[in-house]
Protein backbone atom coordinates (compact mmCIF):
# COMPACT_ATOMS: atom_id res chain seq x y z
CA MET A 1 -9.12 -25.31 -7.21
CA ILE A 2 -10.03 -25.40 -10.87
CA ASP A 3 -9.25 -27.71 -13.80
CA SER A 4 -5.88 -27.50 -15.48
CA ALA A 5 -7.10 -25.27 -18.32
CA ARG A 6 -9.60 -22.44 -18.35
CA VAL A 7 -10.57 -19.64 -20.75
CA VAL A 8 -12.00 -16.51 -19.06
CA ASP A 9 -12.60 -12.85 -19.78
CA VAL A 10 -9.99 -11.60 -17.32
CA VAL A 11 -7.05 -12.99 -15.37
CA VAL A 12 -6.00 -11.00 -12.29
CA VAL A 13 -2.46 -11.74 -11.18
CA GLY A 14 -2.17 -10.90 -7.47
CA ALA A 15 -4.75 -11.54 -4.75
CA GLY A 16 -4.16 -8.58 -2.47
CA PRO A 17 -6.72 -5.81 -1.83
CA SER A 18 -6.29 -4.12 -5.23
CA GLY A 19 -6.42 -7.42 -7.10
CA SER A 20 -9.42 -8.59 -5.07
CA SER A 21 -11.17 -5.25 -5.70
CA ALA A 22 -10.60 -5.56 -9.43
CA ALA A 23 -11.66 -9.19 -9.58
CA LEU A 24 -14.79 -8.67 -7.43
CA SER A 25 -15.85 -5.59 -9.41
CA LEU A 26 -15.31 -7.36 -12.76
CA VAL A 27 -17.54 -10.28 -11.68
CA ARG A 28 -20.18 -7.76 -10.69
CA GLU A 29 -19.91 -6.39 -14.25
CA GLY A 30 -20.80 -9.84 -15.53
CA MET A 31 -17.33 -11.00 -16.58
CA SER A 32 -15.66 -14.31 -15.86
CA VAL A 33 -12.51 -13.90 -13.77
CA ILE A 34 -9.66 -15.97 -12.44
CA MET A 35 -7.46 -14.49 -9.71
CA VAL A 36 -4.00 -15.97 -9.22
CA GLY A 37 -2.24 -15.68 -5.87
CA ASN A 38 0.80 -17.27 -4.32
CA GLY A 39 -0.04 -16.71 -0.69
CA ARG A 40 2.80 -14.31 -0.09
CA ARG A 41 1.92 -11.13 1.70
CA ALA A 42 4.02 -7.94 1.57
CA SER A 43 1.61 -5.92 3.67
CA TRP A 44 2.62 -2.73 5.40
CA ALA A 45 2.81 -3.33 9.11
CA GLY A 46 0.46 -1.20 11.20
CA GLU A 47 -1.78 -0.16 8.35
CA THR A 48 -3.94 2.89 8.97
CA LEU A 49 -6.97 3.93 6.91
CA PRO A 50 -7.83 7.67 6.87
CA PRO A 51 -11.23 9.03 7.87
CA GLY A 52 -13.90 8.29 5.22
CA ALA A 53 -12.10 5.16 3.94
CA GLY A 54 -14.49 2.87 5.75
CA ASP A 55 -17.34 3.86 3.44
CA VAL A 56 -15.17 3.11 0.39
CA MET A 57 -14.19 -0.35 1.70
CA ALA A 58 -17.81 -1.14 2.57
CA GLY A 59 -18.91 -0.08 -0.91
CA VAL A 60 -16.50 -2.48 -2.52
CA PHE A 61 -16.31 -5.38 -0.12
CA GLY A 62 -19.50 -5.13 1.97
CA ALA A 63 -20.54 -3.49 5.19
CA SER A 64 -18.90 -6.07 7.50
CA ILE A 65 -15.40 -5.93 6.00
CA LEU A 66 -13.97 -3.83 8.85
CA ASN A 67 -15.76 -5.55 11.73
CA LYS A 68 -12.55 -7.24 12.94
CA HIS A 69 -10.56 -4.00 13.00
CA GLN A 70 -10.26 -1.04 15.34
CA ARG A 71 -11.28 2.60 15.01
CA ALA A 72 -8.45 5.14 15.05
CA TYR A 73 -9.65 8.13 17.03
CA ALA A 74 -6.71 10.48 16.62
CA VAL A 75 -3.43 11.21 14.91
CA ASN A 76 -0.67 12.63 17.04
CA ALA A 77 2.20 14.35 15.29
CA ALA A 78 5.40 16.17 16.22
CA TRP A 79 6.01 17.35 12.69
CA GLU A 80 6.23 21.09 12.07
CA SER A 81 7.61 21.50 15.59
CA SER A 82 8.88 19.32 18.38
CA GLN A 83 5.56 19.62 20.19
CA LEU A 84 3.18 16.70 19.89
CA HIS A 85 -0.15 17.91 18.39
CA GLU A 86 -3.30 15.81 18.46
CA THR A 87 -5.88 15.78 15.63
CA ASP A 88 -8.98 14.25 17.19
CA ALA A 89 -11.47 12.38 15.02
CA MET A 90 -14.23 14.40 16.65
CA SER A 91 -12.99 17.43 14.75
CA HIS A 92 -12.78 15.67 11.42
CA PRO A 93 -15.84 15.94 9.16
CA LEU A 94 -15.45 12.28 8.05
CA GLY A 95 -15.04 10.95 11.61
CA ALA A 96 -12.58 8.30 12.78
CA GLY A 97 -10.13 6.31 10.69
CA TRP A 98 -9.23 2.65 11.09
CA LEU A 99 -6.34 0.58 12.43
CA LEU A 100 -6.09 -2.60 10.33
CA ASP A 101 -4.76 -6.03 10.87
CA ARG A 102 -3.54 -6.47 7.31
CA LEU A 103 -3.24 -10.24 7.33
CA VAL A 104 -6.87 -10.57 8.41
CA PHE A 105 -8.03 -7.82 5.99
CA ASP A 106 -6.23 -9.32 2.99
CA ALA A 107 -7.58 -12.79 3.67
CA ASP A 108 -11.12 -11.43 4.11
CA VAL A 109 -11.24 -9.36 0.88
CA GLU A 110 -9.91 -12.37 -1.07
CA GLN A 111 -12.68 -14.53 0.48
CA VAL A 112 -15.35 -11.93 -0.43
CA ALA A 113 -14.19 -11.93 -4.02
CA CYS A 114 -14.24 -15.73 -4.25
CA ALA A 115 -17.66 -15.93 -2.65
CA ALA A 116 -18.96 -13.58 -5.33
CA GLY A 117 -17.79 -15.86 -8.15
CA VAL A 118 -14.10 -15.10 -8.70
CA ARG A 119 -12.25 -18.34 -9.30
CA PHE A 120 -8.96 -18.64 -7.47
CA VAL A 121 -5.80 -20.39 -8.53
CA HIS A 122 -2.86 -20.76 -6.11
CA GLY A 123 0.55 -20.48 -7.67
CA GLN A 124 3.24 -18.28 -9.10
CA ALA A 125 1.97 -16.80 -12.33
CA THR A 126 4.13 -16.72 -15.43
CA LEU A 127 3.25 -14.87 -18.60
CA VAL A 128 3.69 -17.49 -21.40
CA LYS A 129 2.59 -15.35 -24.27
CA GLY A 130 0.28 -12.51 -25.18
CA SER A 131 -0.69 -10.64 -28.25
CA GLY A 132 -2.95 -8.08 -26.65
CA ARG A 133 -5.94 -10.13 -27.86
CA ARG A 134 -5.41 -13.25 -25.80
CA TRP A 135 -3.13 -13.84 -22.84
CA SER A 136 -1.65 -17.13 -21.75
CA ILE A 137 -0.74 -17.51 -18.09
CA ALA A 138 0.82 -20.53 -16.39
CA ALA A 139 0.29 -20.90 -12.62
CA GLY A 140 1.50 -24.16 -11.14
CA SER A 141 -0.18 -27.00 -13.08
CA HIS A 142 -2.86 -24.59 -14.40
CA HIS A 143 -3.03 -22.95 -17.80
CA ILE A 144 -5.22 -19.86 -18.15
CA GLU A 145 -6.32 -18.09 -21.34
CA ALA A 146 -7.85 -14.63 -20.95
CA ASN A 147 -8.80 -11.64 -23.04
CA TRP A 148 -7.60 -9.22 -20.38
CA LEU A 149 -4.64 -9.27 -18.01
CA VAL A 150 -4.65 -7.24 -14.74
CA ASP A 151 -1.30 -6.87 -12.97
CA ALA A 152 -1.86 -6.60 -9.22
CA THR A 153 1.51 -8.02 -8.21
CA GLY A 154 2.45 -5.16 -5.94
CA ARG A 155 5.63 -3.04 -6.08
CA PRO A 156 7.57 -5.50 -8.30
CA ALA A 157 4.93 -5.10 -11.08
CA HIS A 158 5.99 -8.43 -12.57
CA MET A 159 3.57 -8.49 -15.47
CA ALA A 160 3.82 -4.83 -16.49
CA ARG A 161 7.61 -4.91 -16.49
CA ARG A 162 7.57 -8.07 -18.55
CA LEU A 163 5.44 -6.13 -21.05
CA GLY A 164 7.98 -3.33 -21.30
CA SER A 165 6.89 -0.82 -18.64
CA ARG A 166 9.47 0.78 -16.35
CA VAL A 167 9.14 1.86 -12.72
CA LEU A 168 10.01 5.51 -12.32
CA ARG A 169 11.14 6.09 -8.75
CA SER A 170 11.04 9.32 -6.78
CA GLY A 171 13.03 8.91 -3.59
CA ARG A 172 14.74 5.69 -2.54
CA MET A 173 13.58 5.14 1.03
CA LEU A 174 13.44 2.24 3.45
CA ALA A 175 11.22 1.55 6.43
CA TYR A 176 12.81 -0.18 9.41
CA VAL A 177 9.84 -1.73 11.18
CA CYS A 178 9.47 -3.63 14.43
CA ARG A 179 6.33 -5.40 15.66
CA MET A 180 6.14 -5.79 19.41
CA ASP A 181 3.87 -7.95 21.52
CA ALA A 182 3.62 -5.31 24.22
CA ASP A 183 0.93 -2.69 23.73
CA GLY A 184 2.98 0.21 25.02
CA SER A 185 0.76 3.28 25.15
CA GLY A 186 -2.89 2.33 25.17
CA VAL A 187 -4.05 5.27 23.01
CA ALA A 188 -5.84 4.14 19.85
CA ALA A 189 -3.98 6.61 17.69
CA THR A 190 -1.16 6.71 15.16
CA SER A 191 1.76 8.88 16.22
CA LEU A 192 4.31 10.51 13.94
CA GLU A 193 7.54 12.28 14.73
CA ALA A 194 10.03 13.99 12.38
CA THR A 195 13.69 13.61 13.26
CA SER A 196 16.87 15.06 11.70
CA GLU A 197 17.34 12.36 9.11
CA GLY A 198 13.90 10.79 8.65
CA TRP A 199 10.68 10.23 10.52
CA TRP A 200 9.00 7.74 12.84
CA TYR A 201 5.53 6.32 13.21
CA THR A 202 3.96 3.97 15.76
CA THR A 203 0.42 2.54 16.01
CA PRO A 204 -1.29 -0.08 18.14
CA LEU A 205 -2.49 -3.25 16.39
CA PRO A 206 -6.14 -4.41 16.58
CA ARG A 207 -5.31 -7.80 18.10
CA GLY A 208 -2.80 -6.40 20.64
CA GLY A 209 0.76 -5.31 20.41
CA ARG A 210 2.25 -2.37 18.60
CA VAL A 211 4.34 -1.56 15.58
CA ALA A 212 6.93 1.13 15.25
CA GLY A 213 8.91 2.14 12.19
CA TYR A 214 11.69 4.51 11.11
CA ILE A 215 11.71 5.81 7.52
CA THR A 216 14.80 7.27 5.93
CA ASP A 217 16.74 7.32 2.69
CA VAL A 218 18.54 4.11 1.70
CA ASP A 219 22.00 5.62 2.00
CA LEU A 220 21.19 7.18 5.38
CA GLY A 221 19.94 3.91 6.83
CA HIS A 222 21.64 0.93 8.48
CA GLN A 223 24.99 0.11 6.97
CA SER A 224 26.75 -2.35 9.33
CA GLY A 225 26.63 -3.97 12.75
CA SER A 226 23.48 -4.94 14.59
CA LEU A 227 20.33 -3.79 12.84
CA THR A 228 18.30 -3.95 16.07
CA GLY A 229 20.96 -2.02 17.95
CA TRP A 230 21.09 0.63 15.25
CA TRP A 231 17.27 0.89 15.33
CA LEU A 232 17.20 1.28 19.09
CA ASP A 233 19.85 4.04 18.90
CA ARG A 234 17.68 5.91 16.40
CA LEU A 235 14.60 5.38 18.59
CA ALA A 236 16.44 6.82 21.57
CA GLU A 237 16.92 10.07 19.57
CA THR A 238 13.14 10.63 19.41
CA GLU A 239 11.35 12.77 21.94
CA HIS A 240 7.88 11.19 21.87
CA ILE A 241 7.92 7.85 20.05
CA ARG A 242 10.34 6.26 22.47
CA GLY A 243 7.84 6.76 25.30
CA LEU A 244 5.05 5.01 23.37
CA VAL A 245 6.72 1.66 22.74
CA ASP A 246 7.84 -1.12 24.99
CA CYS A 247 11.11 -2.68 23.78
CA SER A 248 11.67 -4.87 26.86
CA ALA A 249 10.86 -8.15 25.08
CA GLU A 250 12.81 -9.86 22.27
CA MET A 251 12.35 -7.96 19.03
CA THR A 252 13.06 -8.27 15.31
CA VAL A 253 13.48 -5.38 12.97
CA THR A 254 12.63 -5.86 9.31
CA THR A 255 13.10 -3.61 6.30
CA SER A 256 10.60 -2.67 3.60
CA ASP A 257 10.72 -0.46 0.51
CA ALA A 258 9.09 2.84 1.41
CA GLY A 259 9.88 4.88 -1.71
CA THR A 260 7.52 6.30 -4.26
CA GLY A 261 7.31 4.76 -7.71
CA TYR A 262 5.10 4.90 -10.78
CA LEU A 263 4.90 2.95 -14.00
CA ASN A 264 5.76 5.00 -17.10
CA ARG A 265 2.99 3.05 -18.79
CA CYS A 266 0.21 1.65 -16.63
CA ALA A 267 -1.80 0.03 -19.41
CA GLY A 268 -1.65 -1.31 -22.95
CA GLN A 269 -3.66 -3.30 -25.38
CA GLY A 270 -5.51 -5.88 -23.31
CA TRP A 271 -3.67 -5.26 -20.04
CA VAL A 272 -3.62 -2.88 -17.09
CA ALA A 273 -1.82 -2.50 -13.76
CA VAL A 274 -3.52 -1.64 -10.47
CA GLY A 275 -2.55 -0.95 -6.88
CA ASP A 276 1.16 -0.83 -5.95
CA ALA A 277 2.00 -2.35 -9.31
CA ALA A 278 0.74 0.79 -11.00
CA ALA A 279 1.81 3.32 -8.34
CA HIS A 280 3.22 2.88 -4.89
CA PHE A 281 3.23 5.76 -2.49
CA ASP A 282 5.25 7.20 0.36
CA PRO A 283 3.70 5.75 3.57
CA LEU A 284 3.40 9.26 4.98
CA SER A 285 0.31 9.75 2.86
CA SER A 286 -1.60 6.76 4.35
CA GLN A 287 -3.28 6.53 0.96
CA GLY A 288 -1.72 3.43 -0.56
CA LEU A 289 -4.29 0.80 0.46
CA LEU A 290 -7.28 3.02 -0.13
CA THR A 291 -6.04 4.11 -3.54
CA GLY A 292 -5.28 0.53 -4.56
CA VAL A 293 -8.84 -0.60 -3.77
CA LEU A 294 -10.26 2.36 -5.66
CA MET A 295 -7.96 1.60 -8.57
CA GLY A 296 -9.21 -2.00 -8.74
CA ALA A 297 -12.88 -0.93 -8.86
CA ARG A 298 -12.23 1.82 -11.35
CA VAL A 299 -10.23 -0.42 -13.72
CA ALA A 300 -13.01 -2.98 -13.65
CA GLN A 301 -15.38 -0.34 -15.03
CA ALA A 302 -12.85 0.64 -17.71
CA ILE A 303 -12.41 -2.92 -18.85
CA ALA A 304 -16.11 -3.83 -18.77
CA HIS A 305 -17.09 -0.71 -20.77
CA ASN A 306 -14.04 -0.66 -23.02
CA LYS A 307 -12.92 2.76 -21.79
CA LEU A 308 -9.32 2.16 -20.82
CA GLU A 309 -8.34 5.65 -21.99
CA ASP A 310 -10.52 7.07 -19.20
CA TRP A 311 -8.54 5.03 -16.65
CA GLN A 312 -5.24 6.36 -17.99
CA VAL A 313 -6.47 9.92 -17.37
CA ASP A 314 -7.51 8.93 -13.82
CA TYR A 315 -4.11 7.33 -13.24
CA GLU A 316 -2.22 10.47 -14.21
CA MET A 317 -4.45 12.48 -11.85
CA ILE A 318 -3.79 10.04 -9.00
CA VAL A 319 -0.04 10.32 -9.45
CA ALA A 320 -0.13 14.12 -9.66
CA GLU A 321 -2.35 14.46 -6.60
CA HIS A 322 -0.10 12.18 -4.53
CA ASP A 323 3.01 14.17 -5.55
CA MET A 324 1.34 17.35 -4.38
CA LEU A 325 0.15 15.78 -1.10
CA ARG A 326 3.56 14.27 -0.33
CA SER A 327 5.32 17.56 -1.11
CA HIS A 328 2.92 19.45 1.10
CA TYR A 329 3.53 17.24 4.11
CA TYR A 330 7.33 17.37 3.74
CA SER A 331 7.33 21.11 3.10
CA LEU A 332 5.94 21.62 6.64
CA VAL A 333 9.25 20.55 8.18
CA ASP A 334 12.00 23.20 8.17
CA ARG A 335 13.75 22.52 11.45
CA TRP A 336 16.97 20.98 10.09
CA ALA A 337 18.69 23.26 7.58
CA ASP A 338 21.77 21.04 7.27
CA SER A 339 19.91 17.71 7.10
CA THR A 340 20.58 15.56 4.06
CA PHE A 341 17.15 13.91 4.31
CA TRP A 342 15.12 17.13 4.53
CA SER A 343 17.27 18.92 1.96
CA ARG A 344 16.40 16.14 -0.52
CA ARG A 345 12.71 16.58 0.24
CA SER A 346 13.06 20.33 -0.54
CA ILE A 347 14.60 19.51 -3.87
CA GLU A 348 11.73 17.11 -4.66
CA LEU A 349 9.24 19.87 -3.72
CA ARG A 350 10.84 22.34 -6.14
CA LYS A 351 10.54 19.73 -8.92
CA VAL A 352 6.82 19.16 -8.25
CA VAL A 353 6.12 22.91 -8.09
CA SER A 354 8.02 23.59 -11.33
């Protein structure tokens, strides 16, 4: 812990991967940094990193950052058709991906940042005042003054919204996720399956067990009665996922926001948002964590070299590329002409193309 008052170059609010990436990269640029975190984790269960992402993580956090995690050797998908197709890592030019234990990963990247010289304050950050030249942040009993403010508070984007930015949403979706102690299928692969009003994923976890989730629009999801019972009924409608999970033990289903959203303004005088605070993505892309870490490193360069306008150009490119990728994946499914869920994806596709 630090003294009750500090003046630094940058205060990073949020200690997840994007915040830790920004803070660590800023320290490497020779800047003094305080990172504020409240210990709450809103990590996506069963996180998967795509092929090639390991090199990015090692470049930011060090070569050992993924030592506690498991390689993902394939992706199995019943997407364009009802048949389950395997994409083996052997056929991918960038090799295998990764299955992450997010709680372990998040704790480790925070520790790497602090070991490099980032000072950490535990508490809920409150923006007291800011003129764009000097920010004043309260966190517990601590008072922090900084020239720059980085919002890494995740999907709520607490700081950016306080500064007048709005979250523009594209698709209001929820993920209904269950983590099970039983391993189910022993294949080290993520499996996807499209269904008539949404889609499913399941993946093993590095320390044992498995996670399975159903993603659909908010109004098409659970409305009343037992959430677990409703989830199991939806699982029974799948052709492949139901055979990969073991639901014999006691289970709890939780819900998470799975929609896409972007800030209408990701930066301003003396402040910038990174990670999910700046843009949060449809989980189908498996790009959210990787993009958040890259955002943190890129924003650090922009702050250190006073080139924030370059970051704004990069941000717009990231949003556009994700829209195109998401639209491409959803456009591959045309099996349910009368489906509300897939009809909405078609409308979104036409908007992106136009």
